Amino acid sequence: MTRIDCREAVRRMWTYLSQSLDGAEAGELEEHLQVCQRCCGELEFSRELRDRVSAVETDRMPPEVRSRVEEVLRHGTIEPGGRA
């Protein structure tokens, strides 16, 4: 299998959590997670965030907050300056 770096692992995490990665990409991420404690922490944080956000009643969120959260969940990143 091809080794991936932390940047690529983090880029794949949200897709991995939604079970949308193809088998080879998921395998590469899982291989990376076996040796990288930092990315394991990133994965756990991402899982926790996803679970907490899904439990929130989105109709009670201000529209700009909901929009930013949805963008993070879709792409897994926030642009510098706090913009999703």
PDB file of N, CA and C in Angstrom:
ATOM      1  N   MET A   1       0.826  -1.191   0.000  1.00  0.00           N
ATOM      2  CA  MET A   1       0.000   0.000   0.000  1.00  0.00           C
ATOM      3  C   MET A   1       0.873   1.259   0.000  1.00  0.00           C
ATOM      4  N   THR A   2       0.351   2.295  -0.565  1.00  0.00           N
ATOM      5  CA  THR A   2       1.038   3.575  -0.602  1.00  0.00           C
ATOM      6  C   THR A   2       0.936   4.251   0.760  1.00  0.00           C
ATOM      7  N   ARG A   3       2.041   4.803   1.213  1.00  0.00           N
ATOM      8  CA  ARG A   3       2.014   5.556   2.474  1.00  0.00           C
ATOM      9  C   ARG A   3       1.512   6.956   2.208  1.00  0.00           C
ATOM     10  N   ILE A   4       0.676   7.461   3.105  1.00  0.00           N
ATOM     11  CA  ILE A   4       0.204   8.834   2.994  1.00  0.00           C
ATOM     12  C   ILE A   4       0.735   9.624   4.183  1.00  0.00           C
ATOM     13  N   ASP A   5       0.811  10.943   4.021  1.00  0.00           N
ATOM     14  CA  ASP A   5       1.277  11.788   5.112  1.00  0.00           C
ATOM     15  C   ASP A   5       0.074  12.304   5.911  1.00  0.00           C
ATOM     16  N   CYS A   6       0.370  13.032   6.982  1.00  0.00           N
ATOM     17  CA  CYS A   6      -0.684  13.537   7.870  1.00  0.00           C
ATOM     18  C   CYS A   6      -1.650  14.469   7.135  1.00  0.00           C
ATOM     19  N   ARG A   7      -1.119  15.305   6.290  1.00  0.00           N
ATOM     20  CA  ARG A   7      -1.980  16.244   5.553  1.00  0.00           C
ATOM     21  C   ARG A   7      -3.029  15.492   4.731  1.00  0.00           C
ATOM     22  N   GLU A   8      -2.594  14.454   4.033  1.00  0.00           N
ATOM     23  CA  GLU A   8      -3.511  13.658   3.222  1.00  0.00           C
ATOM     24  C   GLU A   8      -4.476  12.875   4.117  1.00  0.00           C
ATOM     25  N   ALA A   9      -3.986  12.377   5.235  1.00  0.00           N
ATOM     26  CA  ALA A   9      -4.849  11.636   6.159  1.00  0.00           C
ATOM     27  C   ALA A   9      -5.982  12.523   6.672  1.00  0.00           C
ATOM     28  N   VAL A  10      -5.646  13.730   7.082  1.00  0.00           N
ATOM     29  CA  VAL A  10      -6.663  14.660   7.587  1.00  0.00           C
ATOM     30  C   VAL A  10      -7.631  15.030   6.469  1.00  0.00           C
ATOM     31  N   ARG A  11      -7.141  15.211   5.263  1.00  0.00           N
ATOM     32  CA  ARG A  11      -8.001  15.546   4.134  1.00  0.00           C
ATOM     33  C   ARG A  11      -9.048  14.456   3.882  1.00  0.00           C
ATOM     34  N   ARG A  12      -8.689  13.220   4.140  1.00  0.00           N
ATOM     35  CA  ARG A  12      -9.590  12.086   3.879  1.00  0.00           C
ATOM     36  C   ARG A  12     -10.541  11.769   5.025  1.00  0.00           C
ATOM     37  N   MET A  13     -10.321  12.329   6.205  1.00  0.00           N
ATOM     38  CA  MET A  13     -11.062  11.878   7.387  1.00  0.00           C
ATOM     39  C   MET A  13     -12.571  12.021   7.291  1.00  0.00           C
ATOM     40  N   TRP A  14     -13.066  13.171   6.834  1.00  0.00           N
ATOM     41  CA  TRP A  14     -14.515  13.362   6.790  1.00  0.00           C
ATOM     42  C   TRP A  14     -15.155  12.402   5.803  1.00  0.00           C
ATOM     43  N   THR A  15     -14.484  12.158   4.703  1.00  0.00           N
ATOM     44  CA  THR A  15     -15.000  11.207   3.721  1.00  0.00           C
ATOM     45  C   THR A  15     -14.968   9.801   4.316  1.00  0.00           C
ATOM     46  N   TYR A  16     -13.931   9.506   5.056  1.00  0.00           N
ATOM     47  CA  TYR A  16     -13.815   8.217   5.738  1.00  0.00           C
ATOM     48  C   TYR A  16     -14.951   8.034   6.740  1.00  0.00           C
ATOM     49  N   LEU A  17     -15.215   9.074   7.523  1.00  0.00           N
ATOM     50  CA  LEU A  17     -16.275   8.985   8.524  1.00  0.00           C
ATOM     51  C   LEU A  17     -17.654   8.789   7.891  1.00  0.00           C
ATOM     52  N   SER A  18     -17.835   9.309   6.701  1.00  0.00           N
ATOM     53  CA  SER A  18     -19.120   9.123   6.023  1.00  0.00           C
ATOM     54  C   SER A  18     -19.133   7.821   5.218  1.00  0.00           C
ATOM     55  N   GLN A  19     -18.077   7.036   5.352  1.00  0.00           N
ATOM     56  CA  GLN A  19     -17.915   5.747   4.678  1.00  0.00           C
ATOM     57  C   GLN A  19     -18.008   5.886   3.160  1.00  0.00           C
ATOM     58  N   SER A  20     -17.397   6.977   2.656  1.00  0.00           N
ATOM     59  CA  SER A  20     -17.438   7.245   1.221  1.00  0.00           C
ATOM     60  C   SER A  20     -16.086   7.076   0.533  1.00  0.00           C
ATOM     61  N   LEU A  21     -15.056   6.695   1.274  1.00  0.00           N
ATOM     62  CA  LEU A  21     -13.747   6.464   0.639  1.00  0.00           C
ATOM     63  C   LEU A  21     -13.764   5.114  -0.057  1.00  0.00           C
ATOM     64  N   ASP A  22     -13.063   5.030  -1.193  1.00  0.00           N
ATOM     65  CA  ASP A  22     -12.955   3.720  -1.827  1.00  0.00           C
ATOM     66  C   ASP A  22     -12.036   2.839  -0.977  1.00  0.00           C
ATOM     67  N   GLY A  23     -12.044   1.589  -1.238  1.00  0.00           N
ATOM     68  CA  GLY A  23     -11.310   0.627  -0.415  1.00  0.00           C
ATOM     69  C   GLY A  23      -9.829   0.909  -0.285  1.00  0.00           C
ATOM     70  N   ALA A  24      -9.173   1.281  -1.389  1.00  0.00           N
ATOM     71  CA  ALA A  24      -7.733   1.545  -1.347  1.00  0.00           C
ATOM     72  C   ALA A  24      -7.427   2.776  -0.502  1.00  0.00           C
ATOM     73  N   GLU A  25      -8.204   3.854  -0.686  1.00  0.00           N
ATOM     74  CA  GLU A  25      -7.970   5.076   0.086  1.00  0.00           C
ATOM     75  C   GLU A  25      -8.250   4.849   1.572  1.00  0.00           C
ATOM     76  N   ALA A  26      -9.301   4.104   1.879  1.00  0.00           N
ATOM     77  CA  ALA A  26      -9.610   3.795   3.277  1.00  0.00           C
ATOM     78  C   ALA A  26      -8.483   2.963   3.889  1.00  0.00           C
ATOM     79  N   GLY A  27      -7.978   2.011   3.134  1.00  0.00           N
ATOM     80  CA  GLY A  27      -6.879   1.175   3.616  1.00  0.00           C
ATOM     81  C   GLY A  27      -5.625   1.987   3.893  1.00  0.00           C
ATOM     82  N   GLU A  28      -5.315   2.927   3.016  1.00  0.00           N
ATOM     83  CA  GLU A  28      -4.145   3.789   3.219  1.00  0.00           C
ATOM     84  C   GLU A  28      -4.319   4.645   4.468  1.00  0.00           C
ATOM     85  N   LEU A  29      -5.520   5.174   4.663  1.00  0.00           N
ATOM     86  CA  LEU A  29      -5.780   5.982   5.862  1.00  0.00           C
ATOM     87  C   LEU A  29      -5.665   5.117   7.110  1.00  0.00           C
ATOM     88  N   GLU A  30      -6.268   3.955   7.090  1.00  0.00           N
ATOM     89  CA  GLU A  30      -6.210   3.065   8.256  1.00  0.00           C
ATOM     90  C   GLU A  30      -4.773   2.657   8.571  1.00  0.00           C
ATOM     91  N   GLU A  31      -3.982   2.428   7.526  1.00  0.00           N
ATOM     92  CA  GLU A  31      -2.564   2.101   7.736  1.00  0.00           C
ATOM     93  C   GLU A  31      -1.844   3.268   8.413  1.00  0.00           C
ATOM     94  N   HIS A  32      -2.126   4.482   7.952  1.00  0.00           N
ATOM     95  CA  HIS A  32      -1.518   5.674   8.556  1.00  0.00           C
ATOM     96  C   HIS A  32      -1.949   5.805  10.015  1.00  0.00           C
ATOM     97  N   LEU A  33      -3.217   5.570  10.286  1.00  0.00           N
ATOM     98  CA  LEU A  33      -3.734   5.710  11.648  1.00  0.00           C
ATOM     99  C   LEU A  33      -3.099   4.702  12.615  1.00  0.00           C
ATOM    100  N   GLN A  34      -2.641   3.584  12.097  1.00  0.00           N
ATOM    101  CA  GLN A  34      -1.995   2.582  12.948  1.00  0.00           C
ATOM    102  C   GLN A  34      -0.671   3.073  13.517  1.00  0.00           C
ATOM    103  N   VAL A  35      -0.050   4.049  12.847  1.00  0.00           N
ATOM    104  CA  VAL A  35       1.266   4.511  13.293  1.00  0.00           C
ATOM    105  C   VAL A  35       1.299   5.981  13.701  1.00  0.00           C
ATOM    106  N   CYS A  36       0.200   6.713  13.538  1.00  0.00           N
ATOM    107  CA  CYS A  36       0.222   8.153  13.798  1.00  0.00           C
ATOM    108  C   CYS A  36      -0.771   8.532  14.897  1.00  0.00           C
ATOM    109  N   GLN A  37      -0.247   8.779  16.064  1.00  0.00           N
ATOM    110  CA  GLN A  37      -1.074   9.146  17.205  1.00  0.00           C
ATOM    111  C   GLN A  37      -1.792  10.479  16.977  1.00  0.00           C
ATOM    112  N   ARG A  38      -1.113  11.424  16.350  1.00  0.00           N
ATOM    113  CA  ARG A  38      -1.714  12.737  16.092  1.00  0.00           C
ATOM    114  C   ARG A  38      -2.973  12.603  15.235  1.00  0.00           C
ATOM    115  N   CYS A  39      -2.883  11.848  14.173  1.00  0.00           N
ATOM    116  CA  CYS A  39      -4.041  11.693  13.284  1.00  0.00           C
ATOM    117  C   CYS A  39      -5.150  10.870  13.938  1.00  0.00           C
ATOM    118  N   CYS A  40      -4.787   9.949  14.816  1.00  0.00           N
ATOM    119  CA  CYS A  40      -5.825   9.233  15.572  1.00  0.00           C
ATOM    120  C   CYS A  40      -6.621  10.220  16.417  1.00  0.00           C
ATOM    121  N   GLY A  41      -5.917  11.191  17.017  1.00  0.00           N
ATOM    122  CA  GLY A  41      -6.595  12.233  17.783  1.00  0.00           C
ATOM    123  C   GLY A  41      -7.479  13.091  16.894  1.00  0.00           C
ATOM    124  N   GLU A  42      -7.006  13.410  15.703  1.00  0.00           N
ATOM    125  CA  GLU A  42      -7.800  14.185  14.744  1.00  0.00           C
ATOM    126  C   GLU A  42      -9.071  13.425  14.367  1.00  0.00           C
ATOM    127  N   LEU A  43      -8.935  12.127  14.157  1.00  0.00           N
ATOM    128  CA  LEU A  43     -10.092  11.308  13.799  1.00  0.00           C
ATOM    129  C   LEU A  43     -11.108  11.281  14.933  1.00  0.00           C
ATOM    130  N   GLU A  44     -10.647  11.107  16.149  1.00  0.00           N
ATOM    131  CA  GLU A  44     -11.562  11.095  17.296  1.00  0.00           C
ATOM    132  C   GLU A  44     -12.253  12.436  17.463  1.00  0.00           C
ATOM    133  N   PHE A  45     -11.503  13.534  17.290  1.00  0.00           N
ATOM    134  CA  PHE A  45     -12.105  14.860  17.363  1.00  0.00           C
ATOM    135  C   PHE A  45     -13.177  15.014  16.281  1.00  0.00           C
ATOM    136  N   SER A  46     -12.862  14.600  15.078  1.00  0.00           N
ATOM    137  CA  SER A  46     -13.806  14.710  13.966  1.00  0.00           C
ATOM    138  C   SER A  46     -15.068  13.898  14.233  1.00  0.00           C
ATOM    139  N   ARG A  47     -14.900  12.698  14.764  1.00  0.00           N
ATOM    140  CA  ARG A  47     -16.067  11.857  15.115  1.00  0.00           C
ATOM    141  C   ARG A  47     -16.934  12.551  16.162  1.00  0.00           C
ATOM    142  N   GLU A  48     -16.282  13.054  17.196  1.00  0.00           N
ATOM    143  CA  GLU A  48     -17.010  13.716  18.284  1.00  0.00           C
ATOM    144  C   GLU A  48     -17.744  14.952  17.768  1.00  0.00           C
ATOM    145  N   LEU A  49     -17.080  15.753  16.955  1.00  0.00           N
ATOM    146  CA  LEU A  49     -17.707  16.945  16.387  1.00  0.00           C
ATOM    147  C   LEU A  49     -18.910  16.555  15.537  1.00  0.00           C
ATOM    148  N   ARG A  50     -18.733  15.595  14.673  1.00  0.00           N
ATOM    149  CA  ARG A  50     -19.831  15.143  13.813  1.00  0.00           C
ATOM    150  C   ARG A  50     -21.009  14.672  14.651  1.00  0.00           C
ATOM    151  N   ASP A  51     -20.742  13.887  15.686  1.00  0.00           N
ATOM    152  CA  ASP A  51     -21.820  13.366  16.530  1.00  0.00           C
ATOM    153  C   ASP A  51     -22.530  14.477  17.291  1.00  0.00           C
ATOM    154  N   ARG A  52     -21.772  15.415  17.815  1.00  0.00           N
ATOM    155  CA  ARG A  52     -22.394  16.519  18.562  1.00  0.00           C
ATOM    156  C   ARG A  52     -23.207  17.435  17.650  1.00  0.00           C
ATOM    157  N   VAL A  53     -22.666  17.733  16.484  1.00  0.00           N
ATOM    158  CA  VAL A  53     -23.389  18.606  15.558  1.00  0.00           C
ATOM    159  C   VAL A  53     -24.664  17.930  15.079  1.00  0.00           C
ATOM    160  N   SER A  54     -24.611  16.639  14.832  1.00  0.00           N
ATOM    161  CA  SER A  54     -25.811  15.953  14.356  1.00  0.00           C
ATOM    162  C   SER A  54     -26.889  15.897  15.433  1.00  0.00           C
ATOM    163  N   ALA A  55     -26.494  16.054  16.695  1.00  0.00           N
ATOM    164  CA  ALA A  55     -27.466  16.039  17.789  1.00  0.00           C
ATOM    165  C   ALA A  55     -28.113  17.407  18.024  1.00  0.00           C
ATOM    166  N   VAL A  56     -27.543  18.455  17.425  1.00  0.00           N
ATOM    167  CA  VAL A  56     -28.066  19.812  17.613  1.00  0.00           C
ATOM    168  C   VAL A  56     -29.239  20.038  16.667  1.00  0.00           C
ATOM    169  N   GLU A  57     -30.236  20.716  17.153  1.00  0.00           N
ATOM    170  CA  GLU A  57     -31.361  21.075  16.303  1.00  0.00           C
ATOM    171  C   GLU A  57     -30.907  22.231  15.416  1.00  0.00           C
ATOM    172  N   THR A  58     -30.661  21.934  14.149  1.00  0.00           N
ATOM    173  CA  THR A  58     -30.079  22.945  13.266  1.00  0.00           C
ATOM    174  C   THR A  58     -31.019  24.119  13.023  1.00  0.00           C
ATOM    175  N   ASP A  59     -32.307  23.941  13.209  1.00  0.00           N
ATOM    176  CA  ASP A  59     -33.210  25.069  13.002  1.00  0.00           C
ATOM    177  C   ASP A  59     -33.067  26.115  14.103  1.00  0.00           C
ATOM    178  N   ARG A  60     -32.400  25.760  15.200  1.00  0.00           N
ATOM    179  CA  ARG A  60     -32.162  26.704  16.284  1.00  0.00           C
ATOM    180  C   ARG A  60     -30.834  27.431  16.139  1.00  0.00           C
ATOM    181  N   MET A  61     -30.002  27.015  15.184  1.00  0.00           N
ATOM    182  CA  MET A  61     -28.705  27.663  14.947  1.00  0.00           C
ATOM    183  C   MET A  61     -28.905  28.902  14.085  1.00  0.00           C
ATOM    184  N   PRO A  62     -28.129  29.944  14.367  1.00  0.00           N
ATOM    185  CA  PRO A  62     -28.140  31.081  13.444  1.00  0.00           C
ATOM    186  C   PRO A  62     -27.698  30.602  12.057  1.00  0.00           C
ATOM    187  N   PRO A  63     -28.289  31.134  10.991  1.00  0.00           N
ATOM    188  CA  PRO A  63     -27.969  30.659   9.639  1.00  0.00           C
ATOM    189  C   PRO A  63     -26.482  30.685   9.296  1.00  0.00           C
ATOM    190  N   GLU A  64     -25.750  31.724   9.753  1.00  0.00           N
ATOM    191  CA  GLU A  64     -24.321  31.783   9.424  1.00  0.00           C
ATOM    192  C   GLU A  64     -23.537  30.693  10.144  1.00  0.00           C
ATOM    193  N   VAL A  65     -23.948  30.330  11.343  1.00  0.00           N
ATOM    194  CA  VAL A  65     -23.284  29.246  12.076  1.00  0.00           C
ATOM    195  C   VAL A  65     -23.589  27.917  11.400  1.00  0.00           C
ATOM    196  N   ARG A  66     -24.852  27.701  11.072  1.00  0.00           N
ATOM    197  CA  ARG A  66     -25.248  26.457  10.407  1.00  0.00           C
ATOM    198  C   ARG A  66     -24.477  26.292   9.093  1.00  0.00           C
ATOM    199  N   SER A  67     -24.352  27.374   8.337  1.00  0.00           N
ATOM    200  CA  SER A  67     -23.644  27.340   7.063  1.00  0.00           C
ATOM    201  C   SER A  67     -22.179  26.949   7.254  1.00  0.00           C
ATOM    202  N   ARG A  68     -21.528  27.544   8.255  1.00  0.00           N
ATOM    203  CA  ARG A  68     -20.114  27.232   8.513  1.00  0.00           C
ATOM    204  C   ARG A  68     -19.935  25.790   8.976  1.00  0.00           C
ATOM    205  N   VAL A  69     -20.817  25.324   9.843  1.00  0.00           N
ATOM    206  CA  VAL A  69     -20.734  23.943  10.338  1.00  0.00           C
ATOM    207  C   VAL A  69     -20.931  22.964   9.182  1.00  0.00           C
ATOM    208  N   GLU A  70     -21.913  23.234   8.341  1.00  0.00           N
ATOM    209  CA  GLU A  70     -22.159  22.350   7.200  1.00  0.00           C
ATOM    210  C   GLU A  70     -20.957  22.315   6.264  1.00  0.00           C
ATOM    211  N   GLU A  71     -20.303  23.442   6.076  1.00  0.00           N
ATOM    212  CA  GLU A  71     -19.120  23.501   5.220  1.00  0.00           C
ATOM    213  C   GLU A  71     -17.981  22.673   5.817  1.00  0.00           C
ATOM    214  N   VAL A  72     -17.779  22.788   7.114  1.00  0.00           N
ATOM    215  CA  VAL A  72     -16.732  22.001   7.779  1.00  0.00           C
ATOM    216  C   VAL A  72     -17.040  20.517   7.653  1.00  0.00           C
ATOM    217  N   LEU A  73     -18.285  20.143   7.867  1.00  0.00           N
ATOM    218  CA  LEU A  73     -18.640  18.732   7.773  1.00  0.00           C
ATOM    219  C   LEU A  73     -18.501  18.216   6.344  1.00  0.00           C
ATOM    220  N   ARG A  74     -18.756  19.061   5.390  1.00  0.00           N
ATOM    221  CA  ARG A  74     -18.643  18.665   3.987  1.00  0.00           C
ATOM    222  C   ARG A  74     -17.186  18.533   3.556  1.00  0.00           C
ATOM    223  N   HIS A  75     -16.342  19.473   3.971  1.00  0.00           N
ATOM    224  CA  HIS A  75     -14.963  19.507   3.485  1.00  0.00           C
ATOM    225  C   HIS A  75     -13.915  19.225   4.553  1.00  0.00           C
ATOM    226  N   GLY A  76     -14.300  19.270   5.809  1.00  0.00           N
ATOM    227  CA  GLY A  76     -13.360  18.960   6.878  1.00  0.00           C
ATOM    228  C   GLY A  76     -12.345  20.034   7.178  1.00  0.00           C
ATOM    229  N   THR A  77     -12.567  21.265   6.663  1.00  0.00           N
ATOM    230  CA  THR A  77     -11.595  22.323   6.907  1.00  0.00           C
ATOM    231  C   THR A  77     -12.278  23.651   7.139  1.00  0.00           C
ATOM    232  N   ILE A  78     -11.544  24.531   7.772  1.00  0.00           N
ATOM    233  CA  ILE A  78     -11.951  25.932   7.914  1.00  0.00           C
ATOM    234  C   ILE A  78     -10.809  26.742   7.335  1.00  0.00           C
ATOM    235  N   GLU A  79     -11.144  27.693   6.485  1.00  0.00           N
ATOM    236  CA  GLU A  79     -10.110  28.539   5.890  1.00  0.00           C
ATOM    237  C   GLU A  79      -9.490  29.420   6.964  1.00  0.00           C
ATOM    238  N   PRO A  80      -8.238  29.857   6.758  1.00  0.00           N
ATOM    239  CA  PRO A  80      -7.605  30.794   7.677  1.00  0.00           C
ATOM    240  C   PRO A  80      -8.508  32.025   7.855  1.00  0.00           C
ATOM    241  N   GLY A  81      -8.544  32.547   9.051  1.00  0.00           N
ATOM    242  CA  GLY A  81      -9.412  33.686   9.334  1.00  0.00           C
ATOM    243  C   GLY A  81     -10.776  33.236   9.828  1.00  0.00           C
ATOM    244  N   GLY A  82     -10.949  31.909  10.022  1.00  0.00           N
ATOM    245  CA  GLY A  82     -12.185  31.401  10.586  1.00  0.00           C
ATOM    246  C   GLY A  82     -13.310  31.178   9.603  1.00  0.00           C
ATOM    247  N   ARG A  83     -13.067  31.337   8.322  1.00  0.00           N
ATOM    248  CA  ARG A  83     -14.122  31.132   7.326  1.00  0.00           C
ATOM    249  C   ARG A  83     -14.151  29.686   6.917  1.00  0.00           C
ATOM    250  N   ALA A  84     -15.326  29.131   6.815  1.00  0.00           N
ATOM    251  CA  ALA A  84     -15.468  27.731   6.398  1.00  0.00           C
ATOM    252  C   ALA A  84     -15.261  27.583   4.909  1.00  0.00           C
TER     253      ALA A  84
END
